[in-house]
Amino acid sequence: MASQRNGTLYTGFCNSLSRRVYQHREGLIPGFTKQYGVKRLVWYELHDDMHEAIDREARIKRWKRAWKLNLIEAENPDWRDLFFEIAHD
């Protein structure tokens, strides 16, 4: 998630992406995302295995910022908010 194009980034995992993004968008979760206005879903991955998702999140969190920006822009070069694409689940 991001606050804006090239803005503050947040990486996390959950079991219901649309619910979790909604919570962040509406400021329902106190903490980092609320404090920094991180409300836009700009990239995501789906995993069938929770442990795989947790491991992937941990790896991405250790990445350099430039690598994260490249990951986002490879799939979403315009930094569109993808929330409405996934809001049905």
N, C-alpha and C. Protein backbone atom coordinates (compact mmCIF):
# COMPACT_ATOMS: atom_id res chain seq x y z
N MET A 1 0.85 -1.17 0.00
CA MET A 1 0.00 0.00 0.00
C MET A 1 0.89 1.23 0.00
N ALA A 2 0.32 2.36 -0.45
CA ALA A 2 1.09 3.60 -0.54
C ALA A 2 0.21 4.79 -0.19
N SER A 3 0.87 5.85 0.23
CA SER A 3 0.15 7.09 0.51
C SER A 3 -0.13 7.85 -0.79
N GLN A 4 0.78 7.72 -1.73
CA GLN A 4 0.67 8.36 -3.04
C GLN A 4 1.78 7.78 -3.91
N ARG A 5 1.86 8.20 -5.16
CA ARG A 5 2.94 7.73 -6.02
C ARG A 5 4.28 8.10 -5.39
N ASN A 6 5.16 7.12 -5.26
CA ASN A 6 6.48 7.30 -4.65
C ASN A 6 6.41 7.83 -3.22
N GLY A 7 5.28 7.64 -2.56
CA GLY A 7 5.12 8.11 -1.18
C GLY A 7 5.51 7.04 -0.17
N THR A 8 4.91 7.13 0.99
CA THR A 8 5.14 6.17 2.05
C THR A 8 4.58 4.81 1.64
N LEU A 9 5.36 3.75 1.87
CA LEU A 9 4.95 2.40 1.51
C LEU A 9 4.69 1.57 2.75
N TYR A 10 3.76 0.63 2.62
CA TYR A 10 3.46 -0.32 3.70
C TYR A 10 3.31 -1.70 3.09
N THR A 11 3.92 -2.67 3.72
CA THR A 11 3.81 -4.06 3.29
C THR A 11 3.21 -4.88 4.42
N GLY A 12 2.23 -5.70 4.11
CA GLY A 12 1.62 -6.55 5.12
C GLY A 12 0.94 -7.73 4.47
N PHE A 13 0.47 -8.65 5.29
CA PHE A 13 -0.28 -9.79 4.76
C PHE A 13 -1.55 -9.93 5.58
N CYS A 14 -2.54 -10.60 5.00
CA CYS A 14 -3.82 -10.79 5.67
C CYS A 14 -4.55 -11.96 5.03
N ASN A 15 -5.67 -12.34 5.62
CA ASN A 15 -6.45 -13.44 5.05
C ASN A 15 -7.66 -12.94 4.25
N SER A 16 -7.93 -11.63 4.29
CA SER A 16 -9.00 -11.03 3.48
C SER A 16 -8.50 -9.67 3.00
N LEU A 17 -8.01 -9.63 1.79
CA LEU A 17 -7.38 -8.42 1.27
C LEU A 17 -8.37 -7.26 1.20
N SER A 18 -9.56 -7.50 0.68
CA SER A 18 -10.51 -6.39 0.54
C SER A 18 -10.90 -5.83 1.91
N ARG A 19 -11.11 -6.69 2.89
CA ARG A 19 -11.45 -6.21 4.24
C ARG A 19 -10.31 -5.39 4.83
N ARG A 20 -9.09 -5.90 4.71
CA ARG A 20 -7.94 -5.22 5.30
C ARG A 20 -7.68 -3.87 4.63
N VAL A 21 -7.76 -3.82 3.31
CA VAL A 21 -7.56 -2.56 2.60
C VAL A 21 -8.65 -1.56 3.00
N TYR A 22 -9.89 -2.02 3.10
CA TYR A 22 -10.98 -1.15 3.53
C TYR A 22 -10.67 -0.55 4.90
N GLN A 23 -10.20 -1.38 5.81
CA GLN A 23 -9.86 -0.90 7.16
C GLN A 23 -8.79 0.19 7.10
N HIS A 24 -7.78 0.00 6.28
CA HIS A 24 -6.73 1.01 6.12
C HIS A 24 -7.27 2.28 5.47
N ARG A 25 -8.06 2.12 4.42
CA ARG A 25 -8.63 3.27 3.70
C ARG A 25 -9.48 4.14 4.61
N GLU A 26 -10.22 3.51 5.49
CA GLU A 26 -11.13 4.24 6.37
C GLU A 26 -10.47 4.69 7.68
N GLY A 27 -9.20 4.36 7.87
CA GLY A 27 -8.49 4.75 9.08
C GLY A 27 -8.97 4.02 10.32
N LEU A 28 -9.45 2.79 10.16
CA LEU A 28 -10.00 2.02 11.27
C LEU A 28 -8.94 1.32 12.10
N ILE A 29 -7.71 1.29 11.60
CA ILE A 29 -6.62 0.61 12.29
C ILE A 29 -5.61 1.65 12.74
N PRO A 30 -5.46 1.82 14.05
CA PRO A 30 -4.45 2.79 14.52
C PRO A 30 -3.05 2.29 14.19
N GLY A 31 -2.14 3.22 14.01
CA GLY A 31 -0.76 2.83 13.77
C GLY A 31 -0.18 3.49 12.53
N PHE A 32 0.79 2.82 11.95
CA PHE A 32 1.60 3.36 10.85
C PHE A 32 0.78 3.86 9.68
N THR A 33 -0.12 3.02 9.16
CA THR A 33 -0.85 3.40 7.95
C THR A 33 -1.77 4.59 8.21
N LYS A 34 -2.38 4.64 9.36
CA LYS A 34 -3.24 5.78 9.68
C LYS A 34 -2.41 7.04 9.86
N GLN A 35 -1.30 6.93 10.58
CA GLN A 35 -0.44 8.08 10.85
C GLN A 35 0.10 8.71 9.57
N TYR A 36 0.46 7.86 8.59
CA TYR A 36 1.10 8.36 7.38
C TYR A 36 0.15 8.41 6.17
N GLY A 37 -1.13 8.19 6.37
CA GLY A 37 -2.09 8.30 5.29
C GLY A 37 -1.91 7.28 4.19
N VAL A 38 -1.52 6.08 4.55
CA VAL A 38 -1.29 5.01 3.58
C VAL A 38 -2.64 4.32 3.32
N LYS A 39 -3.27 4.67 2.19
CA LYS A 39 -4.63 4.20 1.93
C LYS A 39 -4.83 3.58 0.56
N ARG A 40 -3.83 3.60 -0.29
CA ARG A 40 -3.98 3.13 -1.66
C ARG A 40 -3.34 1.77 -1.86
N LEU A 41 -4.11 0.82 -2.35
CA LEU A 41 -3.57 -0.49 -2.71
C LEU A 41 -2.95 -0.35 -4.09
N VAL A 42 -1.64 -0.45 -4.17
CA VAL A 42 -0.95 -0.26 -5.45
C VAL A 42 -0.31 -1.54 -5.97
N TRP A 43 -0.28 -2.57 -5.14
CA TRP A 43 0.32 -3.84 -5.56
C TRP A 43 -0.10 -4.91 -4.56
N TYR A 44 -0.26 -6.14 -5.03
CA TYR A 44 -0.54 -7.26 -4.12
C TYR A 44 -0.18 -8.57 -4.79
N GLU A 45 0.00 -9.57 -3.96
CA GLU A 45 0.21 -10.94 -4.40
C GLU A 45 -0.76 -11.83 -3.64
N LEU A 46 -1.23 -12.87 -4.29
CA LEU A 46 -2.07 -13.86 -3.63
C LEU A 46 -1.26 -15.13 -3.43
N HIS A 47 -1.43 -15.74 -2.27
CA HIS A 47 -0.73 -16.99 -1.94
C HIS A 47 -1.74 -17.99 -1.41
N ASP A 48 -1.56 -19.25 -1.75
CA ASP A 48 -2.44 -20.30 -1.24
C ASP A 48 -2.04 -20.75 0.16
N ASP A 49 -0.80 -20.51 0.53
CA ASP A 49 -0.28 -20.97 1.81
C ASP A 49 0.08 -19.79 2.71
N MET A 50 -0.48 -19.75 3.92
CA MET A 50 -0.25 -18.65 4.84
C MET A 50 1.24 -18.49 5.20
N HIS A 51 1.92 -19.60 5.39
CA HIS A 51 3.35 -19.52 5.75
C HIS A 51 4.18 -18.93 4.61
N GLU A 52 3.82 -19.28 3.39
CA GLU A 52 4.48 -18.71 2.22
C GLU A 52 4.26 -17.20 2.17
N ALA A 53 3.03 -16.77 2.46
CA ALA A 53 2.71 -15.34 2.45
C ALA A 53 3.49 -14.59 3.53
N ILE A 54 3.59 -15.17 4.69
CA ILE A 54 4.34 -14.55 5.80
C ILE A 54 5.81 -14.42 5.44
N ASP A 55 6.36 -15.47 4.86
CA ASP A 55 7.78 -15.44 4.45
C ASP A 55 8.01 -14.39 3.37
N ARG A 56 7.11 -14.31 2.41
CA ARG A 56 7.25 -13.32 1.33
C ARG A 56 7.17 -11.90 1.88
N GLU A 57 6.24 -11.66 2.79
CA GLU A 57 6.13 -10.34 3.42
C GLU A 57 7.44 -9.97 4.11
N ALA A 58 8.00 -10.89 4.86
CA ALA A 58 9.25 -10.63 5.58
C ALA A 58 10.39 -10.31 4.61
N ARG A 59 10.45 -11.04 3.50
CA ARG A 59 11.51 -10.78 2.51
C ARG A 59 11.34 -9.39 1.89
N ILE A 60 10.12 -9.05 1.50
CA ILE A 60 9.88 -7.75 0.86
C ILE A 60 10.18 -6.61 1.84
N LYS A 61 9.85 -6.77 3.09
CA LYS A 61 10.12 -5.72 4.08
C LYS A 61 11.61 -5.44 4.20
N ARG A 62 12.45 -6.42 3.92
CA ARG A 62 13.91 -6.22 4.00
C ARG A 62 14.49 -5.61 2.73
N TRP A 63 13.70 -5.55 1.66
CA TRP A 63 14.19 -5.02 0.39
C TRP A 63 14.49 -3.53 0.48
N LYS A 64 15.38 -3.10 -0.40
CA LYS A 64 15.63 -1.67 -0.57
C LYS A 64 14.39 -1.03 -1.18
N ARG A 65 14.19 0.24 -0.88
CA ARG A 65 13.03 0.97 -1.39
C ARG A 65 12.95 0.91 -2.92
N ALA A 66 14.08 1.07 -3.59
CA ALA A 66 14.09 1.05 -5.06
C ALA A 66 13.55 -0.27 -5.60
N TRP A 67 13.84 -1.37 -4.95
CA TRP A 67 13.35 -2.67 -5.39
C TRP A 67 11.83 -2.73 -5.25
N LYS A 68 11.32 -2.17 -4.15
CA LYS A 68 9.87 -2.15 -3.95
C LYS A 68 9.19 -1.29 -5.00
N LEU A 69 9.78 -0.14 -5.32
CA LEU A 69 9.22 0.73 -6.35
C LEU A 69 9.19 0.01 -7.70
N ASN A 70 10.26 -0.71 -8.02
CA ASN A 70 10.31 -1.47 -9.28
C ASN A 70 9.24 -2.56 -9.31
N LEU A 71 9.02 -3.21 -8.19
CA LEU A 71 8.00 -4.26 -8.10
C LEU A 71 6.62 -3.67 -8.39
N ILE A 72 6.31 -2.54 -7.77
CA ILE A 72 5.02 -1.87 -8.00
C ILE A 72 4.90 -1.45 -9.46
N GLU A 73 5.90 -0.76 -9.96
CA GLU A 73 5.80 -0.17 -11.30
C GLU A 73 5.82 -1.21 -12.42
N ALA A 74 6.34 -2.39 -12.15
CA ALA A 74 6.31 -3.45 -13.16
C ALA A 74 4.87 -3.88 -13.45
N GLU A 75 4.01 -3.86 -12.46
CA GLU A 75 2.62 -4.28 -12.62
C GLU A 75 1.64 -3.11 -12.66
N ASN A 76 2.03 -1.99 -12.07
CA ASN A 76 1.11 -0.86 -11.93
C ASN A 76 1.87 0.46 -12.15
N PRO A 77 2.31 0.71 -13.38
CA PRO A 77 3.16 1.88 -13.63
C PRO A 77 2.49 3.22 -13.34
N ASP A 78 1.17 3.26 -13.34
CA ASP A 78 0.46 4.51 -13.06
C ASP A 78 0.06 4.65 -11.59
N TRP A 79 0.43 3.68 -10.79
CA TRP A 79 0.11 3.68 -9.36
C TRP A 79 -1.39 3.82 -9.12
N ARG A 80 -2.18 3.12 -9.94
CA ARG A 80 -3.63 3.13 -9.74
C ARG A 80 -3.98 2.48 -8.41
N ASP A 81 -5.06 2.94 -7.79
CA ASP A 81 -5.56 2.30 -6.57
C ASP A 81 -6.32 1.05 -7.01
N LEU A 82 -5.84 -0.11 -6.62
CA LEU A 82 -6.39 -1.39 -7.06
C LEU A 82 -7.53 -1.89 -6.18
N PHE A 83 -7.92 -1.12 -5.19
CA PHE A 83 -8.94 -1.56 -4.24
C PHE A 83 -10.22 -2.02 -4.94
N PHE A 84 -10.70 -1.25 -5.89
CA PHE A 84 -11.98 -1.60 -6.52
C PHE A 84 -11.88 -2.81 -7.43
N GLU A 85 -10.67 -3.21 -7.79
CA GLU A 85 -10.48 -4.42 -8.56
C GLU A 85 -10.61 -5.67 -7.69
N ILE A 86 -10.36 -5.52 -6.40
CA ILE A 86 -10.38 -6.69 -5.49
C ILE A 86 -11.53 -6.60 -4.49
N ALA A 87 -12.31 -5.55 -4.49
CA ALA A 87 -13.32 -5.29 -3.46
C ALA A 87 -14.44 -6.32 -3.42
N HIS A 88 -14.53 -7.16 -4.41
CA HIS A 88 -15.60 -8.15 -4.47
C HIS A 88 -15.34 -9.39 -3.61
N ASP A 89 -14.08 -9.63 -3.18
CA ASP A 89 -13.81 -10.90 -2.47
C ASP A 89 -14.21 -10.88 -1.02
